[in-house]
Amino acid sequence: MPVITIRLAKGRPIETKRALAEAFTKAAADILDVRPEWVTVLIEEYERENWATGGELHADKFGPGSGKAGTGE
């Protein structure tokens, strides 16, 4: 029973998360030769003020809305 954890910056719409869960489930089921019902996908969301890369908070480095669909970032 595969469990896949996806960590994302907070702010994506539920439609995006549905598509992501569906794509990961299908890929895992196909590659691991298991039934899709056996695949669990966990989506963990983090505020940009609680996520840093290279020692700099994403809230400071990228500003509000970074990484969201339609922002061009």
C-alpha atoms as a PDB file:
ATOM      1  CA  MET A   1       0.000   0.000   0.000  1.00  0.00           C
ATOM      2  CA  PRO A   2       2.022   3.007  -1.248  1.00  0.00           C
ATOM      3  CA  VAL A   3       1.796   6.313   0.594  1.00  0.00           C
ATOM      4  CA  ILE A   4       2.981   9.394  -1.310  1.00  0.00           C
ATOM      5  CA  THR A   5       3.550  12.677   0.508  1.00  0.00           C
ATOM      6  CA  ILE A   6       3.590  15.890  -1.509  1.00  0.00           C
ATOM      7  CA  ARG A   7       4.737  19.104   0.164  1.00  0.00           C
ATOM      8  CA  LEU A   8       3.636  22.385  -1.378  1.00  0.00           C
ATOM      9  CA  ALA A   9       3.495  26.032  -0.569  1.00  0.00           C
ATOM     10  CA  LYS A  10      -0.033  26.908   0.496  1.00  0.00           C
ATOM     11  CA  GLY A  11      -2.429  28.561  -1.904  1.00  0.00           C
ATOM     12  CA  ARG A  12      -3.237  26.280  -4.805  1.00  0.00           C
ATOM     13  CA  PRO A  13      -6.891  25.694  -5.688  1.00  0.00           C
ATOM     14  CA  ILE A  14      -8.583  22.413  -4.835  1.00  0.00           C
ATOM     15  CA  GLU A  15      -8.956  21.579  -8.556  1.00  0.00           C
ATOM     16  CA  THR A  16      -5.156  21.614  -8.866  1.00  0.00           C
ATOM     17  CA  LYS A  17      -4.784  19.337  -5.846  1.00  0.00           C
ATOM     18  CA  ARG A  18      -7.390  16.934  -7.245  1.00  0.00           C
ATOM     19  CA  ALA A  19      -5.484  16.719 -10.528  1.00  0.00           C
ATOM     20  CA  LEU A  20      -2.194  16.234  -8.679  1.00  0.00           C
ATOM     21  CA  ALA A  21      -3.599  13.429  -6.505  1.00  0.00           C
ATOM     22  CA  GLU A  22      -5.104  11.727  -9.556  1.00  0.00           C
ATOM     23  CA  ALA A  23      -1.846  11.933 -11.544  1.00  0.00           C
ATOM     24  CA  PHE A  24       0.309  10.600  -8.694  1.00  0.00           C
ATOM     25  CA  THR A  25      -2.176   7.820  -7.971  1.00  0.00           C
ATOM     26  CA  LYS A  26      -2.243   6.723 -11.606  1.00  0.00           C
ATOM     27  CA  ALA A  27       1.544   6.838 -11.941  1.00  0.00           C
ATOM     28  CA  ALA A  28       2.127   4.886  -8.721  1.00  0.00           C
ATOM     29  CA  ALA A  29      -0.496   2.274  -9.593  1.00  0.00           C
ATOM     30  CA  ASP A  30       0.963   1.784 -13.084  1.00  0.00           C
ATOM     31  CA  ILE A  31       4.618   1.683 -12.055  1.00  0.00           C
ATOM     32  CA  LEU A  32       4.161  -0.376  -8.883  1.00  0.00           C
ATOM     33  CA  ASP A  33       1.521  -2.637 -10.445  1.00  0.00           C
ATOM     34  CA  VAL A  34      -0.994  -2.078  -7.643  1.00  0.00           C
ATOM     35  CA  ARG A  35      -4.634  -1.110  -7.618  1.00  0.00           C
ATOM     36  CA  PRO A  36      -5.341   2.648  -7.476  1.00  0.00           C
ATOM     37  CA  GLU A  37      -7.458   2.034  -4.368  1.00  0.00           C
ATOM     38  CA  TRP A  38      -4.283   1.023  -2.553  1.00  0.00           C
ATOM     39  CA  VAL A  39      -2.472   4.298  -3.227  1.00  0.00           C
ATOM     40  CA  THR A  40      -2.691   7.063  -0.628  1.00  0.00           C
ATOM     41  CA  VAL A  41      -1.642  10.623  -1.457  1.00  0.00           C
ATOM     42  CA  LEU A  42      -1.034  13.109   1.356  1.00  0.00           C
ATOM     43  CA  ILE A  43      -0.764  16.783   0.471  1.00  0.00           C
ATOM     44  CA  GLU A  44       0.970  18.890   3.099  1.00  0.00           C
ATOM     45  CA  GLU A  45       0.730  22.638   2.676  1.00  0.00           C
ATOM     46  CA  TYR A  46       3.059  25.177   4.216  1.00  0.00           C
ATOM     47  CA  GLU A  47       2.769  28.905   4.639  1.00  0.00           C
ATOM     48  CA  ARG A  48       5.511  30.689   2.717  1.00  0.00           C
ATOM     49  CA  GLU A  49       6.682  32.265   5.973  1.00  0.00           C
ATOM     50  CA  ASN A  50       7.437  28.731   7.265  1.00  0.00           C
ATOM     51  CA  TRP A  51       9.473  27.592   4.238  1.00  0.00           C
ATOM     52  CA  ALA A  52      12.997  28.699   3.422  1.00  0.00           C
ATOM     53  CA  THR A  53      15.465  27.874   0.666  1.00  0.00           C
ATOM     54  CA  GLY A  54      19.063  28.992   0.737  1.00  0.00           C
ATOM     55  CA  GLY A  55      18.530  30.566   4.154  1.00  0.00           C
ATOM     56  CA  GLU A  56      15.810  32.932   2.950  1.00  0.00           C
ATOM     57  CA  LEU A  57      12.105  32.642   3.703  1.00  0.00           C
ATOM     58  CA  HIS A  58       9.972  32.152   0.604  1.00  0.00           C
ATOM     59  CA  ALA A  59       7.703  34.955   1.817  1.00  0.00           C
ATOM     60  CA  ASP A  60      10.686  37.327   1.530  1.00  0.00           C
ATOM     61  CA  LYS A  61      12.384  35.764  -1.476  1.00  0.00           C
ATOM     62  CA  PHE A  62       9.384  35.384  -3.780  1.00  0.00           C
ATOM     63  CA  GLY A  63       6.679  37.587  -2.308  1.00  0.00           C
ATOM     64  CA  PRO A  64       2.976  36.886  -2.099  1.00  0.00           C
ATOM     65  CA  GLY A  65       1.410  34.574  -4.654  1.00  0.00           C
ATOM     66  CA  SER A  66       4.628  32.994  -5.887  1.00  0.00           C
ATOM     67  CA  GLY A  67       4.175  29.574  -7.411  1.00  0.00           C
ATOM     68  CA  LYS A  68       0.428  29.919  -7.823  1.00  0.00           C
ATOM     69  CA  ALA A  69      -1.130  29.074 -11.159  1.00  0.00           C
ATOM     70  CA  GLY A  70      -1.624  32.130 -13.312  1.00  0.00           C
ATOM     71  CA  THR A  71       1.024  34.289 -11.663  1.00  0.00           C
ATOM     72  CA  GLY A  72       3.735  33.454 -14.167  1.00  0.00           C
ATOM     73  CA  GLU A  73       6.163  32.547 -11.393  1.00  0.00           C
END
